[in-house]
Amino acid sequence: MAKLGVVIVCTMLLVAGANASCYFAKMKCEPGPFYGEIPGASTKCYDCTCMSSGKSVSCCFNVPIPVGYNHKKCVRTLDEDACTYKVVKRRNPRRECPVNAWSG
């Protein structure tokens, strides 16, 4: 039974990791959380970490993405100030659409 639990946890981690969007930038930095600017790249809505070598930064998008909604009648938009997605009606963007599933 314990082996099954390990398999389930590993599968969940792989699925979650597959939905993450990450990038790396070569630059000098202090190892640990990174809150600075990266020339030519956005850090808005990303979690960034300076690698232990102090020579590169890894940034991964940290906003859950709506996937379970009516794609024909609704559209998702990213609010970069709040780092959240809204799903709204295509014909009436003031009305929100229900979301049944999120990814990320």
PDB file of N, CA and C in Angstrom:
ATOM      1  N   MET A   1       0.828  -1.198   0.000  1.00  0.00           N
ATOM      2  CA  MET A   1       0.000   0.000   0.000  1.00  0.00           C
ATOM      3  C   MET A   1       0.867   1.255   0.000  1.00  0.00           C
ATOM      4  N   ALA A   2       1.987   1.227   0.718  1.00  0.00           N
ATOM      5  CA  ALA A   2       2.880   2.388   0.766  1.00  0.00           C
ATOM      6  C   ALA A   2       3.465   2.680  -0.605  1.00  0.00           C
ATOM      7  N   LYS A   3       3.769   1.608  -1.372  1.00  0.00           N
ATOM      8  CA  LYS A   3       4.311   1.800  -2.722  1.00  0.00           C
ATOM      9  C   LYS A   3       3.302   2.517  -3.610  1.00  0.00           C
ATOM     10  N   LEU A   4       2.028   2.163  -3.482  1.00  0.00           N
ATOM     11  CA  LEU A   4       0.987   2.816  -4.271  1.00  0.00           C
ATOM     12  C   LEU A   4       0.924   4.298  -3.941  1.00  0.00           C
ATOM     13  N   GLY A   5       1.051   4.645  -2.667  1.00  0.00           N
ATOM     14  CA  GLY A   5       1.046   6.054  -2.257  1.00  0.00           C
ATOM     15  C   GLY A   5       2.203   6.816  -2.866  1.00  0.00           C
ATOM     16  N   VAL A   6       3.381   6.199  -2.905  1.00  0.00           N
ATOM     17  CA  VAL A   6       4.553   6.841  -3.505  1.00  0.00           C
ATOM     18  C   VAL A   6       4.327   7.058  -4.994  1.00  0.00           C
ATOM     19  N   VAL A   7       3.763   6.069  -5.680  1.00  0.00           N
ATOM     20  CA  VAL A   7       3.483   6.192  -7.114  1.00  0.00           C
ATOM     21  C   VAL A   7       2.493   7.321  -7.368  1.00  0.00           C
ATOM     22  N   ILE A   8       1.452   7.413  -6.565  1.00  0.00           N
ATOM     23  CA  ILE A   8       0.446   8.467  -6.742  1.00  0.00           C
ATOM     24  C   ILE A   8       1.066   9.839  -6.523  1.00  0.00           C
ATOM     25  N   VAL A   9       1.847  10.005  -5.466  1.00  0.00           N
ATOM     26  CA  VAL A   9       2.481  11.299  -5.190  1.00  0.00           C
ATOM     27  C   VAL A   9       3.431  11.680  -6.313  1.00  0.00           C
ATOM     28  N   CYS A  10       4.242  10.741  -6.783  1.00  0.00           N
ATOM     29  CA  CYS A  10       5.183  11.032  -7.878  1.00  0.00           C
ATOM     30  C   CYS A  10       4.443  11.417  -9.149  1.00  0.00           C
ATOM     31  N   THR A  11       3.348  10.737  -9.445  1.00  0.00           N
ATOM     32  CA  THR A  11       2.552  11.069 -10.627  1.00  0.00           C
ATOM     33  C   THR A  11       1.970  12.466 -10.506  1.00  0.00           C
ATOM     34  N   MET A  12       1.474  12.825  -9.326  1.00  0.00           N
ATOM     35  CA  MET A  12       0.918  14.162  -9.121  1.00  0.00           C
ATOM     36  C   MET A  12       1.994  15.224  -9.324  1.00  0.00           C
ATOM     37  N   LEU A  13       3.203  14.975  -8.836  1.00  0.00           N
ATOM     38  CA  LEU A  13       4.292  15.936  -9.003  1.00  0.00           C
ATOM     39  C   LEU A  13       4.666  16.084 -10.469  1.00  0.00           C
ATOM     40  N   LEU A  14       4.677  14.987 -11.215  1.00  0.00           N
ATOM     41  CA  LEU A  14       5.000  15.061 -12.640  1.00  0.00           C
ATOM     42  C   LEU A  14       3.945  15.849 -13.400  1.00  0.00           C
ATOM     43  N   VAL A  15       2.681  15.622 -13.101  1.00  0.00           N
ATOM     44  CA  VAL A  15       1.607  16.355 -13.774  1.00  0.00           C
ATOM     45  C   VAL A  15       1.697  17.833 -13.442  1.00  0.00           C
ATOM     46  N   ALA A  16       1.897  18.178 -12.185  1.00  0.00           N
ATOM     47  CA  ALA A  16       2.009  19.587 -11.797  1.00  0.00           C
ATOM     48  C   ALA A  16       3.221  20.223 -12.455  1.00  0.00           C
ATOM     49  N   GLY A  17       4.342  19.516 -12.484  1.00  0.00           N
ATOM     50  CA  GLY A  17       5.550  20.048 -13.098  1.00  0.00           C
ATOM     51  C   GLY A  17       5.414  20.228 -14.589  1.00  0.00           C
ATOM     52  N   ALA A  18       4.635  19.378 -15.243  1.00  0.00           N
ATOM     53  CA  ALA A  18       4.467  19.473 -16.692  1.00  0.00           C
ATOM     54  C   ALA A  18       3.712  20.734 -17.080  1.00  0.00           C
ATOM     55  N   ASN A  19       2.933  21.293 -16.156  1.00  0.00           N
ATOM     56  CA  ASN A  19       2.151  22.480 -16.460  1.00  0.00           C
ATOM     57  C   ASN A  19       2.901  23.772 -16.147  1.00  0.00           C
ATOM     58  N   ALA A  20       4.044  23.668 -15.504  1.00  0.00           N
ATOM     59  CA  ALA A  20       4.804  24.859 -15.138  1.00  0.00           C
ATOM     60  C   ALA A  20       5.579  25.369 -16.344  1.00  0.00           C
ATOM     61  N   SER A  21       5.618  26.681 -16.494  1.00  0.00           N
ATOM     62  CA  SER A  21       6.392  27.312 -17.554  1.00  0.00           C
ATOM     63  C   SER A  21       7.569  28.006 -16.885  1.00  0.00           C
ATOM     64  N   CYS A  22       8.779  27.561 -17.210  1.00  0.00           N
ATOM     65  CA  CYS A  22       9.977  28.094 -16.559  1.00  0.00           C
ATOM     66  C   CYS A  22      10.989  28.578 -17.589  1.00  0.00           C
ATOM     67  N   TYR A  23      11.853  29.470 -17.147  1.00  0.00           N
ATOM     68  CA  TYR A  23      12.986  29.875 -17.970  1.00  0.00           C
ATOM     69  C   TYR A  23      14.189  30.122 -17.077  1.00  0.00           C
ATOM     70  N   PHE A  24      15.362  30.100 -17.688  1.00  0.00           N
ATOM     71  CA  PHE A  24      16.619  30.330 -16.978  1.00  0.00           C
ATOM     72  C   PHE A  24      17.328  31.526 -17.592  1.00  0.00           C
ATOM     73  N   ALA A  25      18.026  32.282 -16.768  1.00  0.00           N
ATOM     74  CA  ALA A  25      18.812  33.424 -17.241  1.00  0.00           C
ATOM     75  C   ALA A  25      20.192  33.354 -16.596  1.00  0.00           C
ATOM     76  N   LYS A  26      21.238  33.452 -17.430  1.00  0.00           N
ATOM     77  CA  LYS A  26      22.601  33.478 -16.893  1.00  0.00           C
ATOM     78  C   LYS A  26      22.901  34.877 -16.397  1.00  0.00           C
ATOM     79  N   MET A  27      23.239  34.972 -15.122  1.00  0.00           N
ATOM     80  CA  MET A  27      23.602  36.251 -14.515  1.00  0.00           C
ATOM     81  C   MET A  27      24.141  35.997 -13.115  1.00  0.00           C
ATOM     82  N   LYS A  28      24.933  36.904 -12.609  1.00  0.00           N
ATOM     83  CA  LYS A  28      25.442  36.779 -11.247  1.00  0.00           C
ATOM     84  C   LYS A  28      24.345  37.182 -10.270  1.00  0.00           C
ATOM     85  N   CYS A  29      24.222  36.415  -9.192  1.00  0.00           N
ATOM     86  CA  CYS A  29      23.190  36.699  -8.194  1.00  0.00           C
ATOM     87  C   CYS A  29      23.561  36.023  -6.882  1.00  0.00           C
ATOM     88  N   GLU A  30      22.857  36.388  -5.830  1.00  0.00           N
ATOM     89  CA  GLU A  30      23.028  35.766  -4.519  1.00  0.00           C
ATOM     90  C   GLU A  30      22.117  34.540  -4.454  1.00  0.00           C
ATOM     91  N   PRO A  31      22.650  33.348  -4.140  1.00  0.00           N
ATOM     92  CA  PRO A  31      21.815  32.150  -4.063  1.00  0.00           C
ATOM     93  C   PRO A  31      20.608  32.337  -3.140  1.00  0.00           C
ATOM     94  N   GLY A  32      19.466  31.817  -3.580  1.00  0.00           N
ATOM     95  CA  GLY A  32      18.227  31.905  -2.815  1.00  0.00           C
ATOM     96  C   GLY A  32      17.140  32.595  -3.615  1.00  0.00           C
ATOM     97  N   PRO A  33      16.054  33.021  -2.951  1.00  0.00           N
ATOM     98  CA  PRO A  33      14.970  33.711  -3.663  1.00  0.00           C
ATOM     99  C   PRO A  33      15.501  34.944  -4.392  1.00  0.00           C
ATOM    100  N   PHE A  34      14.995  35.163  -5.610  1.00  0.00           N
ATOM    101  CA  PHE A  34      15.457  36.282  -6.433  1.00  0.00           C
ATOM    102  C   PHE A  34      14.285  37.213  -6.710  1.00  0.00           C
ATOM    103  N   TYR A  35      14.448  38.496  -6.374  1.00  0.00           N
ATOM    104  CA  TYR A  35      13.377  39.478  -6.566  1.00  0.00           C
ATOM    105  C   TYR A  35      13.788  40.604  -7.502  1.00  0.00           C
ATOM    106  N   GLY A  36      14.945  40.496  -8.122  1.00  0.00           N
ATOM    107  CA  GLY A  36      15.454  41.563  -8.975  1.00  0.00           C
ATOM    108  C   GLY A  36      14.895  41.522 -10.387  1.00  0.00           C
ATOM    109  N   GLU A  37      15.449  42.387 -11.220  1.00  0.00           N
ATOM    110  CA  GLU A  37      15.063  42.460 -12.627  1.00  0.00           C
ATOM    111  C   GLU A  37      15.985  41.577 -13.459  1.00  0.00           C
ATOM    112  N   ILE A  38      15.448  41.024 -14.533  1.00  0.00           N
ATOM    113  CA  ILE A  38      16.235  40.245 -15.480  1.00  0.00           C
ATOM    114  C   ILE A  38      16.145  40.957 -16.822  1.00  0.00           C
ATOM    115  N   PRO A  39      17.275  41.442 -17.352  1.00  0.00           N
ATOM    116  CA  PRO A  39      17.238  42.170 -18.627  1.00  0.00           C
ATOM    117  C   PRO A  39      16.588  41.345 -19.739  1.00  0.00           C
ATOM    118  N   GLY A  40      15.597  41.935 -20.408  1.00  0.00           N
ATOM    119  CA  GLY A  40      14.928  41.286 -21.530  1.00  0.00           C
ATOM    120  C   GLY A  40      13.911  40.228 -21.163  1.00  0.00           C
ATOM    121  N   ALA A  41      13.581  40.082 -19.889  1.00  0.00           N
ATOM    122  CA  ALA A  41      12.612  39.067 -19.474  1.00  0.00           C
ATOM    123  C   ALA A  41      11.727  39.623 -18.364  1.00  0.00           C
ATOM    124  N   SER A  42      10.533  39.080 -18.277  1.00  0.00           N
ATOM    125  CA  SER A  42       9.597  39.502 -17.238  1.00  0.00           C
ATOM    126  C   SER A  42       9.707  38.578 -16.030  1.00  0.00           C
ATOM    127  N   THR A  43       9.636  39.154 -14.846  1.00  0.00           N
ATOM    128  CA  THR A  43       9.552  38.353 -13.627  1.00  0.00           C
ATOM    129  C   THR A  43       8.167  38.503 -12.994  1.00  0.00           C
ATOM    130  N   LYS A  44       7.282  39.236 -13.665  1.00  0.00           N
ATOM    131  CA  LYS A  44       5.921  39.451 -13.170  1.00  0.00           C
ATOM    132  C   LYS A  44       5.178  38.116 -13.167  1.00  0.00           C
ATOM    133  N   CYS A  45       4.612  37.742 -12.055  1.00  0.00           N
ATOM    134  CA  CYS A  45       3.847  36.504 -11.874  1.00  0.00           C
ATOM    135  C   CYS A  45       4.721  35.245 -11.940  1.00  0.00           C
ATOM    136  N   TYR A  46       6.019  35.394 -11.739  1.00  0.00           N
ATOM    137  CA  TYR A  46       6.945  34.264 -11.720  1.00  0.00           C
ATOM    138  C   TYR A  46       7.594  34.167 -10.343  1.00  0.00           C
ATOM    139  N   ASP A  47       7.886  32.940  -9.909  1.00  0.00           N
ATOM    140  CA  ASP A  47       8.709  32.707  -8.724  1.00  0.00           C
ATOM    141  C   ASP A  47      10.121  32.477  -9.226  1.00  0.00           C
ATOM    142  N   CYS A  48      11.062  33.305  -8.783  1.00  0.00           N
ATOM    143  CA  CYS A  48      12.438  33.213  -9.266  1.00  0.00           C
ATOM    144  C   CYS A  48      13.387  32.842  -8.133  1.00  0.00           C
ATOM    145  N   THR A  49      14.389  32.052  -8.480  1.00  0.00           N
ATOM    146  CA  THR A  49      15.394  31.606  -7.526  1.00  0.00           C
ATOM    147  C   THR A  49      16.767  31.685  -8.166  1.00  0.00           C
ATOM    148  N   CYS A  50      17.711  32.256  -7.440  1.00  0.00           N
ATOM    149  CA  CYS A  50      19.106  32.236  -7.878  1.00  0.00           C
ATOM    150  C   CYS A  50      19.667  30.867  -7.511  1.00  0.00           C
ATOM    151  N   MET A  51      20.249  30.196  -8.493  1.00  0.00           N
ATOM    152  CA  MET A  51      20.790  28.854  -8.282  1.00  0.00           C
ATOM    153  C   MET A  51      21.975  28.906  -7.314  1.00  0.00           C
ATOM    154  N   SER A  52      22.298  27.778  -6.708  1.00  0.00           N
ATOM    155  CA  SER A  52      23.349  27.719  -5.685  1.00  0.00           C
ATOM    156  C   SER A  52      24.718  28.143  -6.208  1.00  0.00           C
ATOM    157  N   SER A  53      24.937  28.044  -7.519  1.00  0.00           N
ATOM    158  CA  SER A  53      26.221  28.470  -8.098  1.00  0.00           C
ATOM    159  C   SER A  53      26.366  29.987  -8.100  1.00  0.00           C
ATOM    160  N   GLY A  54      25.232  30.701  -7.997  1.00  0.00           N
ATOM    161  CA  GLY A  54      25.251  32.163  -8.054  1.00  0.00           C
ATOM    162  C   GLY A  54      25.486  32.700  -9.452  1.00  0.00           C
ATOM    163  N   LYS A  55      25.275  31.830 -10.472  1.00  0.00           N
ATOM    164  CA  LYS A  55      25.545  32.225 -11.854  1.00  0.00           C
ATOM    165  C   LYS A  55      24.317  32.204 -12.756  1.00  0.00           C
ATOM    166  N   SER A  56      23.155  31.792 -12.234  1.00  0.00           N
ATOM    167  CA  SER A  56      21.944  31.782 -13.055  1.00  0.00           C
ATOM    168  C   SER A  56      20.698  31.866 -12.180  1.00  0.00           C
ATOM    169  N   VAL A  57      19.628  32.343 -12.804  1.00  0.00           N
ATOM    170  CA  VAL A  57      18.334  32.495 -12.139  1.00  0.00           C
ATOM    171  C   VAL A  57      17.326  31.608 -12.858  1.00  0.00           C
ATOM    172  N   SER A  58      16.510  30.893 -12.098  1.00  0.00           N
ATOM    173  CA  SER A  58      15.428  30.072 -12.626  1.00  0.00           C
ATOM    174  C   SER A  58      14.114  30.734 -12.228  1.00  0.00           C
ATOM    175  N   CYS A  59      13.238  30.973 -13.205  1.00  0.00           N
ATOM    176  CA  CYS A  59      11.934  31.581 -12.930  1.00  0.00           C
ATOM    177  C   CYS A  59      10.833  30.680 -13.477  1.00  0.00           C
ATOM    178  N   CYS A  60       9.810  30.409 -12.666  1.00  0.00           N
ATOM    179  CA  CYS A  60       8.680  29.574 -13.082  1.00  0.00           C
ATOM    180  C   CYS A  60       7.370  30.329 -12.865  1.00  0.00           C
ATOM    181  N   PHE A  61       6.487  30.264 -13.864  1.00  0.00           N
ATOM    182  CA  PHE A  61       5.172  30.898 -13.806  1.00  0.00           C
ATOM    183  C   PHE A  61       4.387  30.264 -12.671  1.00  0.00           C
ATOM    184  N   ASN A  62       3.803  31.072 -11.794  1.00  0.00           N
ATOM    185  CA  ASN A  62       3.176  30.530 -10.585  1.00  0.00           C
ATOM    186  C   ASN A  62       1.682  30.790 -10.496  1.00  0.00           C
ATOM    187  N   VAL A  63       1.023  31.018 -11.626  1.00  0.00           N
ATOM    188  CA  VAL A  63      -0.404  31.339 -11.611  1.00  0.00           C
ATOM    189  C   VAL A  63      -1.205  30.134 -12.111  1.00  0.00           C
ATOM    190  N   PRO A  64      -2.173  29.631 -11.325  1.00  0.00           N
ATOM    191  CA  PRO A  64      -3.029  28.553 -11.819  1.00  0.00           C
ATOM    192  C   PRO A  64      -3.777  28.998 -13.081  1.00  0.00           C
ATOM    193  N   ILE A  65      -3.857  28.095 -14.068  1.00  0.00           N
ATOM    194  CA  ILE A  65      -4.466  28.411 -15.358  1.00  0.00           C
ATOM    195  C   ILE A  65      -5.824  27.719 -15.447  1.00  0.00           C
ATOM    196  N   PRO A  66      -6.892  28.472 -15.743  1.00  0.00           N
ATOM    197  CA  PRO A  66      -8.206  27.848 -15.892  1.00  0.00           C
ATOM    198  C   PRO A  66      -8.249  26.994 -17.160  1.00  0.00           C
ATOM    199  N   VAL A  67      -8.707  25.745 -17.026  1.00  0.00           N
ATOM    200  CA  VAL A  67      -8.801  24.851 -18.184  1.00  0.00           C
ATOM    201  C   VAL A  67     -10.203  24.272 -18.354  1.00  0.00           C
ATOM    202  N   GLY A  68     -10.983  24.191 -17.287  1.00  0.00           N
ATOM    203  CA  GLY A  68     -12.319  23.604 -17.351  1.00  0.00           C
ATOM    204  C   GLY A  68     -13.393  24.669 -17.446  1.00  0.00           C
ATOM    205  N   TYR A  69     -13.596  25.188 -18.655  1.00  0.00           N
ATOM    206  CA  TYR A  69     -14.648  26.183 -18.889  1.00  0.00           C
ATOM    207  C   TYR A  69     -15.091  26.072 -20.344  1.00  0.00           C
ATOM    208  N   ASN A  70     -16.165  26.738 -20.704  1.00  0.00           N
ATOM    209  CA  ASN A  70     -16.688  26.696 -22.069  1.00  0.00           C
ATOM    210  C   ASN A  70     -15.798  27.553 -22.974  1.00  0.00           C
ATOM    211  N   HIS A  71     -14.909  26.899 -23.728  1.00  0.00           N
ATOM    212  CA  HIS A  71     -13.938  27.609 -24.564  1.00  0.00           C
ATOM    213  C   HIS A  71     -14.587  28.328 -25.748  1.00  0.00           C
ATOM    214  N   LYS A  72     -15.782  27.912 -26.133  1.00  0.00           N
ATOM    215  CA  LYS A  72     -16.461  28.577 -27.257  1.00  0.00           C
ATOM    216  C   LYS A  72     -17.115  29.887 -26.829  1.00  0.00           C
ATOM    217  N   LYS A  73     -17.687  29.901 -25.626  1.00  0.00           N
ATOM    218  CA  LYS A  73     -18.415  31.084 -25.165  1.00  0.00           C
ATOM    219  C   LYS A  73     -17.589  32.003 -24.270  1.00  0.00           C
ATOM    220  N   CYS A  74     -16.456  31.500 -23.782  1.00  0.00           N
ATOM    221  CA  CYS A  74     -15.687  32.259 -22.799  1.00  0.00           C
ATOM    222  C   CYS A  74     -14.216  32.364 -23.203  1.00  0.00           C
ATOM    223  N   VAL A  75     -13.534  33.334 -22.605  1.00  0.00           N
ATOM    224  CA  VAL A  75     -12.111  33.546 -22.854  1.00  0.00           C
ATOM    225  C   VAL A  75     -11.425  33.852 -21.523  1.00  0.00           C
ATOM    226  N   ARG A  76     -10.180  33.384 -21.383  1.00  0.00           N
ATOM    227  CA  ARG A  76      -9.438  33.672 -20.150  1.00  0.00           C
ATOM    228  C   ARG A  76      -8.499  34.848 -20.395  1.00  0.00           C
ATOM    229  N   THR A  77      -8.357  35.682 -19.367  1.00  0.00           N
ATOM    230  CA  THR A  77      -7.446  36.825 -19.451  1.00  0.00           C
ATOM    231  C   THR A  77      -6.613  36.874 -18.177  1.00  0.00           C
ATOM    232  N   LEU A  78      -5.345  37.213 -18.335  1.00  0.00           N
ATOM    233  CA  LEU A  78      -4.435  37.299 -17.196  1.00  0.00           C
ATOM    234  C   LEU A  78      -4.388  38.725 -16.686  1.00  0.00           C
ATOM    235  N   ASP A  79      -4.667  38.890 -15.403  1.00  0.00           N
ATOM    236  CA  ASP A  79      -4.507  40.181 -14.738  1.00  0.00           C
ATOM    237  C   ASP A  79      -3.098  40.188 -14.157  1.00  0.00           C
ATOM    238  N   GLU A  80      -2.157  40.858 -14.840  1.00  0.00           N
ATOM    239  CA  GLU A  80      -0.757  40.836 -14.413  1.00  0.00           C
ATOM    240  C   GLU A  80      -0.522  41.591 -13.111  1.00  0.00           C
ATOM    241  N   ASP A  81      -1.408  42.498 -12.748  1.00  0.00           N
ATOM    242  CA  ASP A  81      -1.245  43.201 -11.473  1.00  0.00           C
ATOM    243  C   ASP A  81      -1.579  42.283 -10.298  1.00  0.00           C
ATOM    244  N   ALA A  82      -2.626  41.467 -10.452  1.00  0.00           N
ATOM    245  CA  ALA A  82      -3.044  40.554  -9.383  1.00  0.00           C
ATOM    246  C   ALA A  82      -2.464  39.149  -9.558  1.00  0.00           C
ATOM    247  N   CYS A  83      -1.869  38.874 -10.729  1.00  0.00           N
ATOM    248  CA  CYS A  83      -1.339  37.540 -11.055  1.00  0.00           C
ATOM    249  C   CYS A  83      -2.421  36.472 -10.906  1.00  0.00           C
ATOM    250  N   THR A  84      -3.575  36.744 -11.490  1.00  0.00           N
ATOM    251  CA  THR A  84      -4.682  35.796 -11.510  1.00  0.00           C
ATOM    252  C   THR A  84      -5.341  35.824 -12.886  1.00  0.00           C
ATOM    253  N   TYR A  85      -5.994  34.714 -13.234  1.00  0.00           N
ATOM    254  CA  TYR A  85      -6.771  34.657 -14.469  1.00  0.00           C
ATOM    255  C   TYR A  85      -8.233  34.916 -14.158  1.00  0.00           C
ATOM    256  N   LYS A  86      -8.912  35.564 -15.081  1.00  0.00           N
ATOM    257  CA  LYS A  86     -10.364  35.690 -15.055  1.00  0.00           C
ATOM    258  C   LYS A  86     -10.875  35.026 -16.318  1.00  0.00           C
ATOM    259  N   VAL A  87     -12.014  34.377 -16.218  1.00  0.00           N
ATOM    260  CA  VAL A  87     -12.660  33.789 -17.386  1.00  0.00           C
ATOM    261  C   VAL A  87     -13.975  34.522 -17.561  1.00  0.00           C
ATOM    262  N   VAL A  88     -14.121  35.170 -18.726  1.00  0.00           N
ATOM    263  CA  VAL A  88     -15.286  36.018 -18.980  1.00  0.00           C
ATOM    264  C   VAL A  88     -15.950  35.638 -20.298  1.00  0.00           C
ATOM    265  N   LYS A  89     -17.205  36.054 -20.433  1.00  0.00           N
ATOM    266  CA  LYS A  89     -17.961  35.816 -21.670  1.00  0.00           C
ATOM    267  C   LYS A  89     -17.307  36.571 -22.825  1.00  0.00           C
ATOM    268  N   ARG A  90     -17.216  35.929 -23.983  1.00  0.00           N
ATOM    269  CA  ARG A  90     -16.645  36.589 -25.166  1.00  0.00           C
ATOM    270  C   ARG A  90     -17.496  37.790 -25.583  1.00  0.00           C
ATOM    271  N   ARG A  91     -18.812  37.620 -25.567  1.00  0.00           N
ATOM    272  CA  ARG A  91     -19.717  38.683 -26.033  1.00  0.00           C
ATOM    273  C   ARG A  91     -19.992  39.743 -24.979  1.00  0.00           C
ATOM    274  N   ASN A  92     -19.782  39.396 -23.709  1.00  0.00           N
ATOM    275  CA  ASN A  92     -20.014  40.348 -22.629  1.00  0.00           C
ATOM    276  C   ASN A  92     -18.920  40.170 -21.568  1.00  0.00           C
ATOM    277  N   PRO A  93     -17.750  40.794 -21.789  1.00  0.00           N
ATOM    278  CA  PRO A  93     -16.611  40.596 -20.889  1.00  0.00           C
ATOM    279  C   PRO A  93     -16.839  41.030 -19.441  1.00  0.00           C
ATOM    280  N   ARG A  94     -17.954  41.683 -19.153  1.00  0.00           N
ATOM    281  CA  ARG A  94     -18.255  42.059 -17.769  1.00  0.00           C
ATOM    282  C   ARG A  94     -18.827  40.885 -16.975  1.00  0.00           C
ATOM    283  N   ARG A  95     -19.243  39.827 -17.682  1.00  0.00           N
ATOM    284  CA  ARG A  95     -19.820  38.651 -17.015  1.00  0.00           C
ATOM    285  C   ARG A  95     -18.793  37.525 -16.954  1.00  0.00           C
ATOM    286  N   GLU A  96     -18.604  36.980 -15.767  1.00  0.00           N
ATOM    287  CA  GLU A  96     -17.647  35.884 -15.591  1.00  0.00           C
ATOM    288  C   GLU A  96     -18.283  34.544 -15.949  1.00  0.00           C
ATOM    289  N   CYS A  97     -17.446  33.607 -16.355  1.00  0.00           N
ATOM    290  CA  CYS A  97     -17.878  32.249 -16.674  1.00  0.00           C
ATOM    291  C   CYS A  97     -17.463  31.309 -15.542  1.00  0.00           C
ATOM    292  N   PRO A  98     -18.236  30.256 -15.307  1.00  0.00           N
ATOM    293  CA  PRO A  98     -17.837  29.280 -14.293  1.00  0.00           C
ATOM    294  C   PRO A  98     -16.621  28.481 -14.768  1.00  0.00           C
ATOM    295  N   VAL A  99     -15.722  28.179 -13.833  1.00  0.00           N
ATOM    296  CA  VAL A  99     -14.532  27.373 -14.125  1.00  0.00           C
ATOM    297  C   VAL A  99     -14.597  26.125 -13.257  1.00  0.00           C
ATOM    298  N   ASN A 100     -14.488  24.957 -13.898  1.00  0.00           N
ATOM    299  CA  ASN A 100     -14.588  23.687 -13.182  1.00  0.00           C
ATOM    300  C   ASN A 100     -13.240  23.044 -12.887  1.00  0.00           C
ATOM    301  N   ALA A 101     -12.185  23.475 -13.584  1.00  0.00           N
ATOM    302  CA  ALA A 101     -10.866  22.865 -13.369  1.00  0.00           C
ATOM    303  C   ALA A 101      -9.759  23.873 -13.628  1.00  0.00           C
ATOM    304  N   TRP A 102      -8.691  23.744 -12.846  1.00  0.00           N
ATOM    305  CA  TRP A 102      -7.521  24.622 -12.961  1.00  0.00           C
ATOM    306  C   TRP A 102      -6.284  23.758 -13.116  1.00  0.00           C
ATOM    307  N   SER A 103      -5.270  24.296 -13.770  1.00  0.00           N
ATOM    308  CA  SER A 103      -4.015  23.583 -13.965  1.00  0.00           C
ATOM    309  C   SER A 103      -2.858  24.445 -13.476  1.00  0.00           C
ATOM    310  N   GLY A 104      -1.854  23.795 -12.925  1.00  0.00           N
ATOM    311  CA  GLY A 104      -0.660  24.542 -12.534  1.00  0.00           C
ATOM    312  C   GLY A 104      -0.482  24.702 -11.067  1.00  0.00           C
TER     313      GLY A 104
END
